Amino acid sequence: MNNENVIKTILEDVLGVEEDEITMDSHLVLDLGADSIDFIDICYKLEKNFNISKIVISDIYPEGIGQIDYSEENLHKIIQKYPYINDNIINIIRKKENYESFYTVRALVDYITWRMKNE
């Protein structure tokens, strides 16, 4: 099973959603209904399934990021703080001028892929 499928299975289990409800662009909170308790469980299951060290909620759901402006300076700071965020997500943020792409299944898959390469 690839990373995307494992993550979708984890989300199905933790959030009680059906497989066909989860797409790469699904928002973890707005579309799938994740809350703070769910993120604790998601982090735990990601650690166990991918055999990676401690994941903290702010790694996969950074709070307060939507309260900063979309300047190139701030985007550069985000890239430095969250190196797993790829150019595709950064370009979506630039185009839409919102940070919702940060909270998608795609960003979660990118994070796990990055962690596995850098563990």
N, C-alpha and C. Protein backbone atom coordinates (compact mmCIF):
# COMPACT_ATOMS: atom_id res chain seq x y z
N MET A 1 0.85 -1.18 0.00
CA MET A 1 0.00 0.00 0.00
C MET A 1 0.89 1.24 0.00
N ASN A 2 0.60 2.23 -0.85
CA ASN A 2 1.41 3.44 -0.88
C ASN A 2 1.00 4.41 0.23
N ASN A 3 1.81 5.44 0.43
CA ASN A 3 1.56 6.40 1.51
C ASN A 3 0.16 6.99 1.46
N GLU A 4 -0.27 7.36 0.27
CA GLU A 4 -1.59 7.98 0.13
C GLU A 4 -2.69 7.04 0.62
N ASN A 5 -2.62 5.78 0.22
CA ASN A 5 -3.66 4.82 0.63
C ASN A 5 -3.63 4.54 2.12
N VAL A 6 -2.44 4.45 2.69
CA VAL A 6 -2.33 4.22 4.14
C VAL A 6 -2.93 5.40 4.90
N ILE A 7 -2.61 6.61 4.46
CA ILE A 7 -3.13 7.81 5.12
C ILE A 7 -4.65 7.88 4.97
N LYS A 8 -5.17 7.57 3.81
CA LYS A 8 -6.62 7.58 3.62
C LYS A 8 -7.28 6.55 4.54
N THR A 9 -6.67 5.38 4.71
CA THR A 9 -7.21 4.35 5.60
C THR A 9 -7.21 4.84 7.05
N ILE A 10 -6.14 5.52 7.45
CA ILE A 10 -6.07 6.09 8.80
C ILE A 10 -7.18 7.11 8.98
N LEU A 11 -7.37 7.99 8.01
CA LEU A 11 -8.42 9.01 8.10
C LEU A 11 -9.81 8.40 8.14
N GLU A 12 -10.03 7.36 7.35
CA GLU A 12 -11.32 6.66 7.40
C GLU A 12 -11.58 6.15 8.81
N ASP A 13 -10.57 5.50 9.38
CA ASP A 13 -10.70 4.90 10.71
C ASP A 13 -10.92 5.95 11.79
N VAL A 14 -10.07 6.97 11.80
CA VAL A 14 -10.14 7.98 12.87
C VAL A 14 -11.37 8.87 12.73
N LEU A 15 -11.69 9.28 11.52
CA LEU A 15 -12.74 10.26 11.31
C LEU A 15 -14.10 9.64 10.99
N GLY A 16 -14.11 8.34 10.74
CA GLY A 16 -15.38 7.68 10.44
C GLY A 16 -15.99 8.11 9.12
N VAL A 17 -15.13 8.42 8.16
CA VAL A 17 -15.62 8.81 6.83
C VAL A 17 -15.40 7.66 5.86
N GLU A 18 -16.14 7.69 4.78
CA GLU A 18 -16.02 6.66 3.75
C GLU A 18 -14.86 7.00 2.81
N GLU A 19 -14.30 5.95 2.22
CA GLU A 19 -13.16 6.11 1.31
C GLU A 19 -13.45 7.10 0.19
N ASP A 20 -14.65 7.04 -0.38
CA ASP A 20 -14.96 7.92 -1.51
C ASP A 20 -15.15 9.38 -1.11
N GLU A 21 -15.19 9.67 0.19
CA GLU A 21 -15.28 11.05 0.67
C GLU A 21 -13.92 11.73 0.74
N ILE A 22 -12.85 10.93 0.67
CA ILE A 22 -11.50 11.45 0.85
C ILE A 22 -10.80 11.59 -0.49
N THR A 23 -10.43 12.82 -0.81
CA THR A 23 -9.61 13.09 -1.99
C THR A 23 -8.33 13.76 -1.52
N MET A 24 -7.39 13.91 -2.40
CA MET A 24 -6.14 14.56 -2.04
C MET A 24 -6.38 16.02 -1.65
N ASP A 25 -7.43 16.62 -2.17
CA ASP A 25 -7.72 18.02 -1.87
C ASP A 25 -8.72 18.20 -0.73
N SER A 26 -9.13 17.10 -0.11
CA SER A 26 -10.05 17.22 1.03
C SER A 26 -9.39 17.96 2.17
N HIS A 27 -10.11 18.92 2.72
CA HIS A 27 -9.65 19.69 3.89
C HIS A 27 -9.90 18.84 5.12
N LEU A 28 -8.88 18.68 5.95
CA LEU A 28 -8.98 17.79 7.10
C LEU A 28 -10.09 18.19 8.06
N VAL A 29 -10.32 19.48 8.23
CA VAL A 29 -11.35 19.94 9.16
C VAL A 29 -12.66 20.23 8.44
N LEU A 30 -12.61 21.08 7.43
CA LEU A 30 -13.83 21.54 6.77
C LEU A 30 -14.56 20.43 6.02
N ASP A 31 -13.82 19.54 5.35
CA ASP A 31 -14.45 18.48 4.56
C ASP A 31 -14.60 17.17 5.34
N LEU A 32 -13.59 16.85 6.16
CA LEU A 32 -13.58 15.54 6.82
C LEU A 32 -13.96 15.59 8.29
N GLY A 33 -14.06 16.79 8.85
CA GLY A 33 -14.56 16.94 10.21
C GLY A 33 -13.58 16.66 11.33
N ALA A 34 -12.28 16.70 11.05
CA ALA A 34 -11.29 16.44 12.10
C ALA A 34 -11.34 17.54 13.16
N ASP A 35 -11.16 17.13 14.42
CA ASP A 35 -11.04 18.10 15.51
C ASP A 35 -9.74 17.82 16.27
N SER A 36 -9.50 18.57 17.33
CA SER A 36 -8.21 18.47 18.02
C SER A 36 -7.94 17.07 18.56
N ILE A 37 -8.94 16.40 19.07
CA ILE A 37 -8.77 15.03 19.57
C ILE A 37 -8.42 14.09 18.42
N ASP A 38 -9.07 14.29 17.28
CA ASP A 38 -8.77 13.47 16.10
C ASP A 38 -7.31 13.62 15.68
N PHE A 39 -6.79 14.84 15.75
CA PHE A 39 -5.40 15.06 15.33
C PHE A 39 -4.42 14.30 16.23
N ILE A 40 -4.73 14.16 17.50
CA ILE A 40 -3.88 13.37 18.39
C ILE A 40 -3.85 11.92 17.91
N ASP A 41 -5.01 11.38 17.60
CA ASP A 41 -5.12 10.00 17.12
C ASP A 41 -4.45 9.84 15.75
N ILE A 42 -4.65 10.81 14.87
CA ILE A 42 -4.02 10.76 13.55
C ILE A 42 -2.50 10.73 13.69
N CYS A 43 -1.96 11.60 14.54
CA CYS A 43 -0.51 11.64 14.75
C CYS A 43 0.00 10.28 15.24
N TYR A 44 -0.68 9.72 16.22
CA TYR A 44 -0.28 8.43 16.78
C TYR A 44 -0.29 7.34 15.70
N LYS A 45 -1.35 7.27 14.93
CA LYS A 45 -1.46 6.23 13.90
C LYS A 45 -0.45 6.43 12.78
N LEU A 46 -0.14 7.68 12.45
CA LEU A 46 0.90 7.94 11.45
C LEU A 46 2.26 7.46 11.95
N GLU A 47 2.57 7.75 13.21
CA GLU A 47 3.83 7.29 13.81
C GLU A 47 3.95 5.78 13.73
N LYS A 48 2.89 5.08 14.12
CA LYS A 48 2.91 3.61 14.16
C LYS A 48 2.95 3.00 12.76
N ASN A 49 2.12 3.51 11.86
CA ASN A 49 2.04 2.92 10.52
C ASN A 49 3.28 3.17 9.68
N PHE A 50 3.92 4.30 9.89
CA PHE A 50 5.09 4.64 9.08
C PHE A 50 6.40 4.51 9.84
N ASN A 51 6.30 4.07 11.11
CA ASN A 51 7.48 3.86 11.94
C ASN A 51 8.40 5.09 11.95
N ILE A 52 7.79 6.24 12.25
CA ILE A 52 8.56 7.47 12.35
C ILE A 52 8.41 8.03 13.76
N SER A 53 9.38 8.83 14.15
CA SER A 53 9.39 9.37 15.51
C SER A 53 8.29 10.41 15.69
N LYS A 54 8.21 10.93 16.87
CA LYS A 54 7.15 11.82 17.34
C LYS A 54 6.67 12.84 16.31
N ILE A 55 5.37 12.81 16.07
CA ILE A 55 4.70 13.81 15.24
C ILE A 55 3.87 14.67 16.18
N VAL A 56 4.01 15.96 16.07
CA VAL A 56 3.18 16.85 16.88
C VAL A 56 2.09 17.45 15.98
N ILE A 57 0.99 17.80 16.59
CA ILE A 57 -0.16 18.29 15.83
C ILE A 57 0.23 19.48 14.95
N SER A 58 1.06 20.37 15.48
CA SER A 58 1.41 21.57 14.69
C SER A 58 2.21 21.22 13.43
N ASP A 59 2.76 20.01 13.35
CA ASP A 59 3.43 19.58 12.12
C ASP A 59 2.44 19.36 10.99
N ILE A 60 1.25 18.87 11.35
CA ILE A 60 0.27 18.55 10.32
C ILE A 60 -0.91 19.51 10.28
N TYR A 61 -1.05 20.31 11.33
CA TYR A 61 -2.12 21.31 11.36
C TYR A 61 -1.64 22.55 12.11
N PRO A 62 -0.81 23.35 11.44
CA PRO A 62 -0.27 24.55 12.11
C PRO A 62 -1.35 25.59 12.36
N GLU A 63 -1.59 25.89 13.62
CA GLU A 63 -2.62 26.87 13.96
C GLU A 63 -2.10 28.29 13.78
N GLY A 64 -3.00 29.18 13.45
CA GLY A 64 -2.67 30.60 13.34
C GLY A 64 -2.01 31.01 12.05
N ILE A 65 -1.71 30.05 11.19
CA ILE A 65 -1.02 30.39 9.96
C ILE A 65 -1.90 31.23 9.04
N GLY A 66 -3.20 31.07 9.12
CA GLY A 66 -4.11 31.83 8.28
C GLY A 66 -4.25 33.28 8.68
N GLN A 67 -3.60 33.67 9.76
CA GLN A 67 -3.72 35.04 10.25
C GLN A 67 -2.58 35.93 9.77
N ILE A 68 -1.69 35.39 8.94
CA ILE A 68 -0.60 36.21 8.41
C ILE A 68 -0.89 36.53 6.95
N ASP A 69 -0.29 37.61 6.45
CA ASP A 69 -0.55 37.99 5.07
C ASP A 69 0.21 37.08 4.10
N TYR A 70 -0.03 37.28 2.82
CA TYR A 70 0.49 36.38 1.79
C TYR A 70 1.72 36.94 1.10
N SER A 71 2.50 37.72 1.81
CA SER A 71 3.71 38.30 1.21
C SER A 71 4.73 37.21 0.93
N GLU A 72 5.60 37.49 -0.01
CA GLU A 72 6.67 36.53 -0.33
C GLU A 72 7.56 36.28 0.89
N GLU A 73 7.74 37.30 1.71
CA GLU A 73 8.54 37.15 2.93
C GLU A 73 7.90 36.12 3.87
N ASN A 74 6.61 36.21 4.06
CA ASN A 74 5.92 35.25 4.92
C ASN A 74 5.90 33.85 4.31
N LEU A 75 5.70 33.77 3.00
CA LEU A 75 5.73 32.46 2.34
C LEU A 75 7.12 31.83 2.49
N HIS A 76 8.15 32.63 2.39
CA HIS A 76 9.52 32.12 2.58
C HIS A 76 9.69 31.58 4.01
N LYS A 77 9.16 32.28 4.99
CA LYS A 77 9.24 31.81 6.38
C LYS A 77 8.49 30.50 6.55
N ILE A 78 7.34 30.37 5.90
CA ILE A 78 6.57 29.14 5.97
C ILE A 78 7.35 27.98 5.37
N ILE A 79 7.96 28.22 4.21
CA ILE A 79 8.75 27.18 3.56
C ILE A 79 9.90 26.73 4.45
N GLN A 80 10.54 27.69 5.14
CA GLN A 80 11.63 27.33 6.04
C GLN A 80 11.12 26.53 7.24
N LYS A 81 9.98 26.92 7.79
CA LYS A 81 9.45 26.24 8.97
C LYS A 81 8.84 24.89 8.63
N TYR A 82 8.23 24.78 7.44
CA TYR A 82 7.56 23.56 7.01
C TYR A 82 8.16 23.12 5.67
N PRO A 83 9.36 22.55 5.68
CA PRO A 83 10.06 22.23 4.43
C PRO A 83 9.36 21.19 3.56
N TYR A 84 8.41 20.48 4.11
CA TYR A 84 7.70 19.48 3.32
C TYR A 84 6.66 20.10 2.39
N ILE A 85 6.29 21.35 2.63
CA ILE A 85 5.32 22.02 1.77
C ILE A 85 5.97 22.25 0.41
N ASN A 86 5.40 21.61 -0.60
CA ASN A 86 6.03 21.67 -1.92
C ASN A 86 5.56 22.88 -2.72
N ASP A 87 6.19 23.07 -3.86
CA ASP A 87 5.89 24.22 -4.72
C ASP A 87 4.43 24.25 -5.16
N ASN A 88 3.85 23.08 -5.38
CA ASN A 88 2.44 23.02 -5.80
C ASN A 88 1.54 23.69 -4.77
N ILE A 89 1.73 23.36 -3.50
CA ILE A 89 0.91 23.94 -2.45
C ILE A 89 1.21 25.43 -2.29
N ILE A 90 2.46 25.81 -2.35
CA ILE A 90 2.84 27.23 -2.26
C ILE A 90 2.18 28.02 -3.40
N ASN A 91 2.18 27.46 -4.60
CA ASN A 91 1.56 28.15 -5.74
C ASN A 91 0.06 28.29 -5.57
N ILE A 92 -0.59 27.28 -4.98
CA ILE A 92 -2.02 27.38 -4.71
C ILE A 92 -2.28 28.49 -3.69
N ILE A 93 -1.43 28.55 -2.67
CA ILE A 93 -1.57 29.60 -1.65
C ILE A 93 -1.42 30.97 -2.31
N ARG A 94 -0.43 31.12 -3.18
CA ARG A 94 -0.22 32.41 -3.87
C ARG A 94 -1.44 32.77 -4.72
N LYS A 95 -1.94 31.81 -5.45
CA LYS A 95 -3.04 32.06 -6.39
C LYS A 95 -4.34 32.40 -5.66
N LYS A 96 -4.67 31.62 -4.65
CA LYS A 96 -5.94 31.80 -3.95
C LYS A 96 -5.85 32.78 -2.79
N GLU A 97 -4.65 33.12 -2.41
CA GLU A 97 -4.42 33.96 -1.24
C GLU A 97 -5.18 33.45 -0.02
N ASN A 98 -5.03 32.15 0.21
CA ASN A 98 -5.48 31.56 1.47
C ASN A 98 -4.60 30.36 1.77
N TYR A 99 -4.58 29.98 3.00
CA TYR A 99 -3.69 28.92 3.45
C TYR A 99 -4.41 27.58 3.60
N GLU A 100 -5.60 27.45 3.05
CA GLU A 100 -6.37 26.22 3.22
C GLU A 100 -5.66 25.00 2.63
N SER A 101 -4.81 25.18 1.61
CA SER A 101 -4.09 24.06 1.02
C SER A 101 -3.15 23.40 2.02
N PHE A 102 -2.81 24.12 3.06
CA PHE A 102 -1.95 23.61 4.12
C PHE A 102 -2.62 22.47 4.88
N TYR A 103 -3.94 22.44 4.87
CA TYR A 103 -4.69 21.53 5.73
C TYR A 103 -5.38 20.42 4.95
N THR A 104 -4.79 20.00 3.86
CA THR A 104 -5.40 18.99 3.00
C THR A 104 -4.73 17.63 3.17
N VAL A 105 -5.40 16.63 2.64
CA VAL A 105 -4.82 15.28 2.61
C VAL A 105 -3.51 15.31 1.84
N ARG A 106 -3.45 16.08 0.75
CA ARG A 106 -2.22 16.19 -0.05
C ARG A 106 -1.06 16.69 0.80
N ALA A 107 -1.29 17.69 1.61
CA ALA A 107 -0.23 18.21 2.48
C ALA A 107 0.20 17.16 3.50
N LEU A 108 -0.74 16.37 3.98
CA LEU A 108 -0.43 15.31 4.94
C LEU A 108 0.42 14.22 4.28
N VAL A 109 0.07 13.85 3.06
CA VAL A 109 0.87 12.87 2.31
C VAL A 109 2.28 13.42 2.06
N ASP A 110 2.36 14.69 1.67
CA ASP A 110 3.67 15.32 1.44
C ASP A 110 4.50 15.32 2.72
N TYR A 111 3.86 15.59 3.84
CA TYR A 111 4.56 15.60 5.13
C TYR A 111 5.13 14.22 5.45
N ILE A 112 4.32 13.18 5.32
CA ILE A 112 4.78 11.83 5.63
C ILE A 112 5.90 11.41 4.68
N THR A 113 5.76 11.71 3.41
CA THR A 113 6.81 11.38 2.44
C THR A 113 8.11 12.07 2.82
N TRP A 114 8.02 13.35 3.17
CA TRP A 114 9.20 14.11 3.59
C TRP A 114 9.82 13.52 4.85
N ARG A 115 8.99 13.22 5.84
CA ARG A 115 9.50 12.65 7.10
C ARG A 115 10.20 11.32 6.88
N MET A 116 9.65 10.48 6.02
CA MET A 116 10.26 9.18 5.77
C MET A 116 11.62 9.32 5.08
N LYS A 117 11.75 10.31 4.24
CA LYS A 117 13.04 10.55 3.58
C LYS A 117 14.06 11.18 4.51
N ASN A 118 13.59 11.90 5.52
CA ASN A 118 14.48 12.66 6.39
C ASN A 118 14.57 12.12 7.81
N GLU A 119 14.03 10.97 8.04
CA GLU A 119 14.03 10.37 9.39
C GLU A 119 15.40 9.86 9.74
